[in-house]
Every structure is written in C-alpha cells, then in structure tokens.
Amino acid sequence: MLRQIPQEHESADEHYRLETRTHKLNLVVSNLTDLALSNVVLVLKIPRVEGVGVVERVHAAPGEQASPPEHYPLVDSGPQVITVQAGGISVPKRATVDAFREPLRLYLREPAAGKTIPVMYSLHGRGLSAPIRGTLRILNSR
C-alpha cells in the first residue's frame, strides 16, 4: 500500500507544483488607434534559464474540472526557448484587452533568484501595418 501512495497523490502533487506554486500571468494588449484590430496573435519567446518555466496546460485540483484547453495559450517548450502563443485576440479601437483568456502559469524557482529574464514579444494581426516587436523583462527578486 505504501508503494501506491505516490501514484494515488500524483494529481494533487501536480496541482500543487504547477498551479499553487506558479505565478498567474496575464498581459494586456492596447490599441491606441481609431481602427479595430482582429485576429491578433501574441507570441512570446522566453529563453531557457534554469529555474524558469511555463506550464503547458492547466492542472485542476483533484475532483475539479480544468478550464477548456483552448482557453490556455499554446506553449512549446523547446531546448533553447519556450514559445507561448495566444491567438484570436480582438481589440476594439482605443481599448485594452487581456491577451490570455486563461492566465499563463509561470514558475520561478530558486536557481532563477536575482536574475532578469528578457522576454521577446511580437504582435501580428489584421489592422497592423507591420508586426509589433519588443522586449519585456521579468525581474525575479527574492
């Protein structure tokens, strides 16, 4: 019976590590123009840094229902970069909206303490004459 304990509590452990101990992160997209933007796609590129990661899906508590997978951003954990993509964003003229329908789960563990993580972003969509690109910084202070 003792050998089965890890399997019996696996979903509770995952929920704790990948939900409770993560930072729920959402970004906003602002449209400062007089034209509505539709089918906007936000892409984030987070470098692989020890102690930094992005959860690939929502991990519901045991006995609870997770939000639909299509609400969570698409996460691709590559060897050098973690790519996050959220699509189908509509931004009315002169408005600000949340980028993610379900906040991104970002985890920062001890090896990342004191580091600044540069996050490259690009925004593509109808109504934009060219993609918008830039860098965000995650400051991980203790």
N, C-alpha and C. Protein backbone atom coordinates (compact mmCIF):
# COMPACT_ATOMS: atom_id res chain seq x y z
N MET A 1 0.83 -1.20 0.00
CA MET A 1 0.00 0.00 0.00
C MET A 1 0.87 1.26 0.00
N LEU A 2 1.98 1.22 0.74
CA LEU A 2 2.85 2.39 0.79
C LEU A 2 3.44 2.72 -0.58
N ARG A 3 3.72 1.71 -1.37
CA ARG A 3 4.29 1.93 -2.72
C ARG A 3 3.30 2.64 -3.64
N GLN A 4 2.02 2.51 -3.37
CA GLN A 4 1.00 3.12 -4.23
C GLN A 4 0.70 4.57 -3.89
N ILE A 5 1.20 5.05 -2.77
CA ILE A 5 0.91 6.42 -2.32
C ILE A 5 1.33 7.46 -3.36
N PRO A 6 2.55 7.40 -3.95
CA PRO A 6 2.90 8.41 -4.95
C PRO A 6 1.92 8.48 -6.12
N GLN A 7 1.47 7.34 -6.62
CA GLN A 7 0.51 7.34 -7.73
C GLN A 7 -0.85 7.88 -7.30
N GLU A 8 -1.25 7.55 -6.08
CA GLU A 8 -2.56 8.00 -5.58
C GLU A 8 -2.62 9.52 -5.43
N HIS A 9 -1.48 10.13 -5.16
CA HIS A 9 -1.45 11.58 -4.91
C HIS A 9 -0.79 12.36 -6.04
N GLU A 10 -0.57 11.71 -7.15
CA GLU A 10 0.13 12.36 -8.27
C GLU A 10 -0.60 13.61 -8.76
N SER A 11 -1.92 13.55 -8.94
CA SER A 11 -2.64 14.72 -9.44
C SER A 11 -2.63 15.86 -8.42
N ALA A 12 -2.69 15.55 -7.14
CA ALA A 12 -2.62 16.60 -6.11
C ALA A 12 -1.23 17.23 -6.09
N ASP A 13 -0.20 16.40 -6.25
CA ASP A 13 1.17 16.93 -6.30
C ASP A 13 1.38 17.82 -7.51
N GLU A 14 0.88 17.39 -8.68
CA GLU A 14 0.99 18.21 -9.90
C GLU A 14 0.27 19.53 -9.72
N HIS A 15 -0.92 19.48 -9.14
CA HIS A 15 -1.68 20.71 -8.92
C HIS A 15 -0.90 21.66 -8.02
N TYR A 16 -0.30 21.14 -6.98
CA TYR A 16 0.47 21.99 -6.08
C TYR A 16 1.67 22.60 -6.79
N ARG A 17 2.45 21.79 -7.49
CA ARG A 17 3.67 22.27 -8.16
C ARG A 17 3.36 23.19 -9.34
N LEU A 18 2.32 22.85 -10.12
CA LEU A 18 2.10 23.53 -11.39
C LEU A 18 0.92 24.50 -11.40
N GLU A 19 0.25 24.64 -10.26
CA GLU A 19 -0.83 25.64 -10.13
C GLU A 19 -0.58 26.52 -8.90
N THR A 20 -0.53 25.89 -7.73
CA THR A 20 -0.38 26.64 -6.49
C THR A 20 0.94 27.40 -6.44
N ARG A 21 2.02 26.76 -6.89
CA ARG A 21 3.36 27.37 -6.79
C ARG A 21 3.76 28.10 -8.07
N THR A 22 2.82 28.51 -8.87
CA THR A 22 3.14 29.27 -10.07
C THR A 22 2.59 30.68 -9.96
N HIS A 23 3.09 31.55 -10.82
CA HIS A 23 2.59 32.91 -10.93
C HIS A 23 1.61 32.95 -12.09
N LYS A 24 0.38 33.38 -11.81
CA LYS A 24 -0.63 33.51 -12.87
C LYS A 24 -0.35 34.83 -13.57
N LEU A 25 0.04 34.76 -14.82
CA LEU A 25 0.49 35.93 -15.57
C LEU A 25 -0.44 36.20 -16.74
N ASN A 26 -0.92 37.42 -16.81
CA ASN A 26 -1.65 37.85 -18.00
C ASN A 26 -1.03 39.16 -18.46
N LEU A 27 -1.09 39.39 -19.73
CA LEU A 27 -0.62 40.63 -20.34
C LEU A 27 -1.82 41.32 -20.94
N VAL A 28 -1.69 42.60 -21.19
CA VAL A 28 -2.76 43.32 -21.87
C VAL A 28 -2.25 43.82 -23.21
N VAL A 29 -3.18 43.91 -24.15
CA VAL A 29 -2.89 44.46 -25.47
C VAL A 29 -3.73 45.72 -25.60
N SER A 30 -3.05 46.83 -25.87
CA SER A 30 -3.74 48.12 -26.01
C SER A 30 -3.73 48.55 -27.46
N ASN A 31 -4.85 49.07 -27.90
CA ASN A 31 -4.99 49.59 -29.25
C ASN A 31 -5.17 51.10 -29.13
N LEU A 32 -4.17 51.84 -29.53
CA LEU A 32 -4.22 53.30 -29.40
C LEU A 32 -4.71 53.98 -30.68
N THR A 33 -5.16 53.18 -31.63
CA THR A 33 -5.59 53.73 -32.92
C THR A 33 -7.11 53.84 -32.98
N ASP A 34 -7.59 54.40 -34.08
CA ASP A 34 -9.03 54.52 -34.31
C ASP A 34 -9.56 53.38 -35.17
N LEU A 35 -8.77 52.32 -35.36
CA LEU A 35 -9.20 51.14 -36.11
C LEU A 35 -9.20 49.92 -35.20
N ALA A 36 -10.24 49.12 -35.30
CA ALA A 36 -10.29 47.88 -34.51
C ALA A 36 -9.28 46.88 -35.06
N LEU A 37 -8.72 46.10 -34.17
CA LEU A 37 -7.78 45.04 -34.56
C LEU A 37 -8.46 43.70 -34.35
N SER A 38 -8.30 42.80 -35.32
CA SER A 38 -8.91 41.48 -35.18
C SER A 38 -7.91 40.39 -35.52
N ASN A 39 -8.20 39.20 -35.03
CA ASN A 39 -7.33 38.04 -35.22
C ASN A 39 -5.88 38.35 -34.89
N VAL A 40 -5.67 39.05 -33.80
CA VAL A 40 -4.33 39.39 -33.35
C VAL A 40 -3.71 38.15 -32.70
N VAL A 41 -2.43 37.95 -32.97
CA VAL A 41 -1.67 36.85 -32.38
C VAL A 41 -0.50 37.43 -31.61
N LEU A 42 -0.40 37.05 -30.34
CA LEU A 42 0.71 37.46 -29.50
C LEU A 42 1.64 36.26 -29.34
N VAL A 43 2.94 36.47 -29.62
CA VAL A 43 3.93 35.42 -29.46
C VAL A 43 5.00 35.90 -28.48
N LEU A 44 5.26 35.09 -27.47
CA LEU A 44 6.32 35.37 -26.50
C LEU A 44 7.43 34.35 -26.68
N LYS A 45 8.66 34.79 -26.57
CA LYS A 45 9.84 33.91 -26.62
C LYS A 45 10.59 34.10 -25.31
N ILE A 46 10.56 33.07 -24.46
CA ILE A 46 11.20 33.12 -23.15
C ILE A 46 12.44 32.22 -23.21
N PRO A 47 13.62 32.78 -22.95
CA PRO A 47 14.82 31.94 -23.03
C PRO A 47 14.82 30.88 -21.93
N ARG A 48 15.41 29.74 -22.25
CA ARG A 48 15.57 28.68 -21.26
C ARG A 48 16.60 29.12 -20.23
N VAL A 49 16.15 29.32 -19.02
CA VAL A 49 17.00 29.71 -17.90
C VAL A 49 16.69 28.73 -16.77
N GLU A 50 17.71 28.20 -16.12
CA GLU A 50 17.47 27.26 -15.04
C GLU A 50 16.59 27.91 -13.97
N GLY A 51 15.54 27.20 -13.59
CA GLY A 51 14.63 27.70 -12.57
C GLY A 51 13.45 28.48 -13.12
N VAL A 52 13.37 28.63 -14.44
CA VAL A 52 12.27 29.36 -15.07
C VAL A 52 11.54 28.41 -16.01
N GLY A 53 10.23 28.41 -15.95
CA GLY A 53 9.46 27.56 -16.84
C GLY A 53 8.04 28.05 -16.99
N VAL A 54 7.38 27.50 -17.99
CA VAL A 54 5.99 27.81 -18.25
C VAL A 54 5.23 26.49 -18.29
N VAL A 55 4.14 26.43 -17.56
CA VAL A 55 3.32 25.23 -17.52
C VAL A 55 2.57 25.12 -18.85
N GLU A 56 2.50 23.92 -19.40
CA GLU A 56 1.93 23.73 -20.73
C GLU A 56 0.41 23.59 -20.75
N ARG A 57 -0.19 23.38 -19.58
CA ARG A 57 -1.66 23.29 -19.50
C ARG A 57 -2.08 23.55 -18.07
N VAL A 58 -3.36 23.78 -17.87
CA VAL A 58 -3.91 23.99 -16.53
C VAL A 58 -4.03 22.63 -15.85
N HIS A 59 -3.62 22.56 -14.60
CA HIS A 59 -3.71 21.34 -13.80
C HIS A 59 -4.75 21.57 -12.71
N ALA A 60 -5.93 21.03 -12.91
CA ALA A 60 -7.02 21.22 -11.96
C ALA A 60 -6.74 20.44 -10.68
N ALA A 61 -7.30 20.92 -9.60
CA ALA A 61 -7.21 20.21 -8.32
C ALA A 61 -7.96 18.89 -8.46
N PRO A 62 -7.55 17.88 -7.72
CA PRO A 62 -8.27 16.60 -7.78
C PRO A 62 -9.76 16.79 -7.54
N GLY A 63 -10.55 16.21 -8.42
CA GLY A 63 -12.00 16.31 -8.31
C GLY A 63 -12.60 17.54 -8.96
N GLU A 64 -11.75 18.45 -9.45
CA GLU A 64 -12.25 19.66 -10.12
C GLU A 64 -12.06 19.56 -11.62
N GLN A 65 -12.82 20.35 -12.35
CA GLN A 65 -12.75 20.38 -13.81
C GLN A 65 -11.81 21.51 -14.23
N ALA A 66 -10.85 21.20 -15.11
CA ALA A 66 -9.95 22.23 -15.64
C ALA A 66 -10.69 23.06 -16.68
N SER A 67 -10.24 24.29 -16.89
CA SER A 67 -10.82 25.12 -17.94
C SER A 67 -10.53 24.46 -19.29
N PRO A 68 -11.34 24.73 -20.30
CA PRO A 68 -11.11 24.11 -21.61
C PRO A 68 -9.70 24.41 -22.12
N PRO A 69 -9.03 23.42 -22.71
CA PRO A 69 -7.65 23.61 -23.18
C PRO A 69 -7.49 24.76 -24.16
N GLU A 70 -8.52 25.05 -24.95
CA GLU A 70 -8.39 26.13 -25.94
C GLU A 70 -8.34 27.51 -25.29
N HIS A 71 -8.67 27.60 -24.00
CA HIS A 71 -8.59 28.89 -23.30
C HIS A 71 -7.17 29.22 -22.87
N TYR A 72 -6.32 28.18 -22.77
CA TYR A 72 -4.94 28.37 -22.31
C TYR A 72 -4.03 28.61 -23.50
N PRO A 73 -3.07 29.52 -23.37
CA PRO A 73 -2.17 29.78 -24.50
C PRO A 73 -1.41 28.51 -24.92
N LEU A 74 -1.04 28.46 -26.18
CA LEU A 74 -0.26 27.35 -26.71
C LEU A 74 1.19 27.52 -26.25
N VAL A 75 1.76 26.49 -25.64
CA VAL A 75 3.11 26.55 -25.10
C VAL A 75 3.95 25.47 -25.78
N ASP A 76 5.09 25.87 -26.31
CA ASP A 76 6.04 24.94 -26.92
C ASP A 76 7.37 25.10 -26.20
N SER A 77 7.74 24.08 -25.43
CA SER A 77 8.98 24.13 -24.65
C SER A 77 10.12 23.53 -25.46
N GLY A 78 10.85 24.39 -26.16
CA GLY A 78 11.98 23.95 -26.95
C GLY A 78 13.25 23.89 -26.12
N PRO A 79 14.34 23.39 -26.70
CA PRO A 79 15.59 23.25 -25.94
C PRO A 79 16.24 24.59 -25.58
N GLN A 80 16.04 25.64 -26.38
CA GLN A 80 16.65 26.94 -26.12
C GLN A 80 15.65 27.99 -25.67
N VAL A 81 14.41 27.86 -26.17
CA VAL A 81 13.40 28.90 -25.96
C VAL A 81 12.04 28.26 -25.69
N ILE A 82 11.28 28.87 -24.79
CA ILE A 82 9.89 28.50 -24.58
C ILE A 82 9.05 29.50 -25.37
N THR A 83 8.24 28.99 -26.29
CA THR A 83 7.39 29.86 -27.11
C THR A 83 5.95 29.76 -26.62
N VAL A 84 5.35 30.91 -26.39
CA VAL A 84 3.96 31.00 -25.96
C VAL A 84 3.19 31.76 -27.02
N GLN A 85 2.04 31.23 -27.41
CA GLN A 85 1.25 31.88 -28.46
C GLN A 85 -0.21 31.95 -28.04
N ALA A 86 -0.78 33.14 -28.19
CA ALA A 86 -2.20 33.35 -27.94
C ALA A 86 -2.78 34.00 -29.18
N GLY A 87 -3.80 33.40 -29.74
CA GLY A 87 -4.39 33.94 -30.96
C GLY A 87 -5.85 34.29 -30.79
N GLY A 88 -6.39 34.86 -31.85
CA GLY A 88 -7.81 35.21 -31.85
C GLY A 88 -8.15 36.38 -30.96
N ILE A 89 -7.18 37.25 -30.70
CA ILE A 89 -7.42 38.40 -29.84
C ILE A 89 -8.05 39.52 -30.68
N SER A 90 -9.13 40.09 -30.21
CA SER A 90 -9.76 41.23 -30.86
C SER A 90 -9.65 42.43 -29.93
N VAL A 91 -9.20 43.53 -30.50
CA VAL A 91 -9.02 44.75 -29.69
C VAL A 91 -9.78 45.89 -30.36
N PRO A 92 -10.88 46.31 -29.76
CA PRO A 92 -11.62 47.45 -30.33
C PRO A 92 -10.74 48.70 -30.36
N LYS A 93 -11.15 49.68 -31.17
CA LYS A 93 -10.37 50.92 -31.23
C LYS A 93 -10.30 51.57 -29.85
N ARG A 94 -9.12 52.10 -29.55
CA ARG A 94 -8.87 52.80 -28.29
C ARG A 94 -9.24 51.98 -27.05
N ALA A 95 -8.96 50.67 -27.09
CA ALA A 95 -9.32 49.79 -25.97
C ALA A 95 -8.11 48.96 -25.54
N THR A 96 -8.24 48.36 -24.39
CA THR A 96 -7.22 47.46 -23.84
C THR A 96 -7.92 46.17 -23.44
N VAL A 97 -7.35 45.03 -23.83
CA VAL A 97 -7.93 43.73 -23.50
C VAL A 97 -6.85 42.80 -22.95
N ASP A 98 -7.28 41.78 -22.22
CA ASP A 98 -6.35 40.75 -21.76
C ASP A 98 -5.87 39.94 -22.95
N ALA A 99 -4.59 39.59 -22.93
CA ALA A 99 -4.02 38.79 -24.02
C ALA A 99 -4.42 37.33 -23.90
N PHE A 100 -4.51 36.82 -22.68
CA PHE A 100 -4.80 35.41 -22.47
C PHE A 100 -6.18 35.24 -21.84
N ARG A 101 -6.98 34.32 -22.38
CA ARG A 101 -8.28 34.04 -21.78
C ARG A 101 -8.12 33.32 -20.45
N GLU A 102 -7.07 32.53 -20.34
CA GLU A 102 -6.70 31.85 -19.10
C GLU A 102 -5.26 32.24 -18.82
N PRO A 103 -4.97 32.85 -17.64
CA PRO A 103 -3.61 33.32 -17.39
C PRO A 103 -2.55 32.23 -17.55
N LEU A 104 -1.42 32.65 -18.04
CA LEU A 104 -0.27 31.78 -18.22
C LEU A 104 0.29 31.42 -16.85
N ARG A 105 0.71 30.18 -16.69
CA ARG A 105 1.32 29.75 -15.42
C ARG A 105 2.84 29.77 -15.60
N LEU A 106 3.49 30.69 -14.90
CA LEU A 106 4.93 30.86 -14.96
C LEU A 106 5.51 30.42 -13.63
N TYR A 107 6.54 29.60 -13.68
CA TYR A 107 7.17 29.26 -12.42
C TYR A 107 8.60 29.75 -12.38
N LEU A 108 8.97 30.23 -11.22
CA LEU A 108 10.31 30.74 -10.93
C LEU A 108 10.78 30.03 -9.68
N ARG A 109 11.84 29.27 -9.83
CA ARG A 109 12.38 28.50 -8.71
C ARG A 109 13.73 29.08 -8.28
N GLU A 110 14.27 28.56 -7.21
CA GLU A 110 15.48 29.08 -6.58
C GLU A 110 16.64 29.38 -7.54
N PRO A 111 16.97 28.52 -8.52
CA PRO A 111 18.11 28.83 -9.40
C PRO A 111 17.94 30.13 -10.20
N ALA A 112 16.71 30.63 -10.31
CA ALA A 112 16.47 31.86 -11.08
C ALA A 112 16.46 33.11 -10.21
N ALA A 113 16.64 32.94 -8.92
CA ALA A 113 16.58 34.08 -8.00
C ALA A 113 17.61 35.13 -8.38
N GLY A 114 17.18 36.39 -8.41
CA GLY A 114 18.06 37.51 -8.70
C GLY A 114 18.34 37.74 -10.16
N LYS A 115 17.78 36.92 -11.04
CA LYS A 115 18.03 37.07 -12.48
C LYS A 115 16.93 37.88 -13.14
N THR A 116 17.29 38.54 -14.23
CA THR A 116 16.33 39.23 -15.07
C THR A 116 16.19 38.40 -16.34
N ILE A 117 14.96 38.06 -16.69
CA ILE A 117 14.71 37.22 -17.86
C ILE A 117 14.10 38.08 -18.97
N PRO A 118 14.81 38.24 -20.10
CA PRO A 118 14.25 39.01 -21.21
C PRO A 118 13.24 38.17 -22.00
N VAL A 119 12.07 38.71 -22.22
CA VAL A 119 11.02 38.02 -22.97
C VAL A 119 10.75 38.82 -24.24
N MET A 120 11.07 38.21 -25.37
CA MET A 120 10.80 38.85 -26.66
C MET A 120 9.32 38.66 -26.99
N TYR A 121 8.70 39.70 -27.51
CA TYR A 121 7.30 39.54 -27.91
C TYR A 121 7.12 40.07 -29.32
N SER A 122 6.11 39.53 -29.99
CA SER A 122 5.68 40.07 -31.28
C SER A 122 4.17 39.97 -31.33
N LEU A 123 3.58 40.94 -31.98
CA LEU A 123 2.14 41.04 -32.11
C LEU A 123 1.83 41.16 -33.59
N HIS A 124 1.01 40.25 -34.11
CA HIS A 124 0.65 40.22 -35.52
C HIS A 124 -0.87 40.28 -35.62
N GLY A 125 -1.39 40.90 -36.66
CA GLY A 125 -2.83 40.88 -36.81
C GLY A 125 -3.34 41.82 -37.87
N ARG A 126 -4.60 41.58 -38.23
CA ARG A 126 -5.28 42.46 -39.18
C ARG A 126 -5.43 43.83 -38.57
N GLY A 127 -5.09 44.82 -39.34
CA GLY A 127 -5.16 46.19 -38.84
C GLY A 127 -3.79 46.73 -38.47
N LEU A 128 -2.80 45.85 -38.37
CA LEU A 128 -1.43 46.29 -38.10
C LEU A 128 -0.67 46.34 -39.42
N SER A 129 -0.01 47.45 -39.69
CA SER A 129 0.74 47.55 -40.95
C SER A 129 1.97 46.66 -40.93
N ALA A 130 2.51 46.39 -39.76
CA ALA A 130 3.67 45.51 -39.60
C ALA A 130 3.61 44.92 -38.19
N PRO A 131 4.24 43.78 -37.98
CA PRO A 131 4.26 43.22 -36.63
C PRO A 131 4.91 44.19 -35.64
N ILE A 132 4.41 44.18 -34.44
CA ILE A 132 4.98 45.00 -33.37
C ILE A 132 5.88 44.07 -32.56
N ARG A 133 7.12 44.49 -32.34
CA ARG A 133 8.08 43.66 -31.63
C ARG A 133 8.71 44.45 -30.49
N GLY A 134 9.11 43.74 -29.47
CA GLY A 134 9.79 44.38 -28.35
C GLY A 134 10.26 43.36 -27.34
N THR A 135 10.70 43.87 -26.20
CA THR A 135 11.20 43.02 -25.13
C THR A 135 10.55 43.42 -23.82
N LEU A 136 10.09 42.44 -23.09
CA LEU A 136 9.60 42.62 -21.73
C LEU A 136 10.66 42.03 -20.82
N ARG A 137 10.69 42.44 -19.59
CA ARG A 137 11.65 41.87 -18.63
C ARG A 137 10.91 41.36 -17.41
N ILE A 138 11.24 40.15 -17.02
CA ILE A 138 10.75 39.60 -15.77
C ILE A 138 11.87 39.74 -14.76
N LEU A 139 11.62 40.51 -13.72
CA LEU A 139 12.61 40.71 -12.68
C LEU A 139 12.28 39.75 -11.54
N ASN A 140 13.15 38.83 -11.27
CA ASN A 140 12.91 37.84 -10.24
C ASN A 140 13.77 38.16 -9.02
N SER A 141 13.21 38.99 -8.16
CA SER A 141 13.94 39.33 -6.93
C SER A 141 13.45 38.44 -5.81
N ARG A 142 14.22 38.31 -4.83
CA ARG A 142 13.85 37.43 -3.71
C ARG A 142 12.92 38.12 -2.84
